[in-house]
């Protein structure tokens, strides 16, 4: 039963991710935001919420040493997982799309945005890991510095040049509602 629940949950996550991506792209186009802002700010905040909330729930609601270990593992593990597994999956999806003749064998990357994102990640992540080793009990200072760093990052991302969103499909919910209205209209006539 647990395996079926796990598989069902993973399928729900995939479906939700598709709807989320579609919604974020649609919102970005409506607000005339660049591709970098949509991907690096809007989508990143939304996709980071689960691994951000997990430590809070583990530490604040359950407490104890095990909860702290789960929280720290989620905080430190997520970026490593994303930088390894996610990059692999992106490459795999490009390859699969190419083999199914849905697209060219290429990955379009905004070098400037990617450099900025990776530079901020490496600097801030290194700071968060190594600063406590140099100055113990500096958690509040580190938290404030990380928030300031993120505000600077967001500012630079909004100000930076980036391409417009390449393509967006019509909002899925809009399509679903349109289909439901057509069905309701044909059923009533």
Foldseek 3Di string as FASTA:
>chain_A
DVVVVVVVVVVVVVVVLVLQVQVLLVVCVVVVAFPLLSVVPVVVVVVCVVLVVQLVCLPVVPNDPVSNVRNVCSVVVVVVCCVPVVVVVVQVVLVVCVVVVNDPSDDDDDVVSVVLVVVLCVVLVCCVPCVCVVPPPCVVVNVVVSVVSVVVSSVCSRPDDHHHDPDHDPNPVVVVVVVVVVVVVVVVD
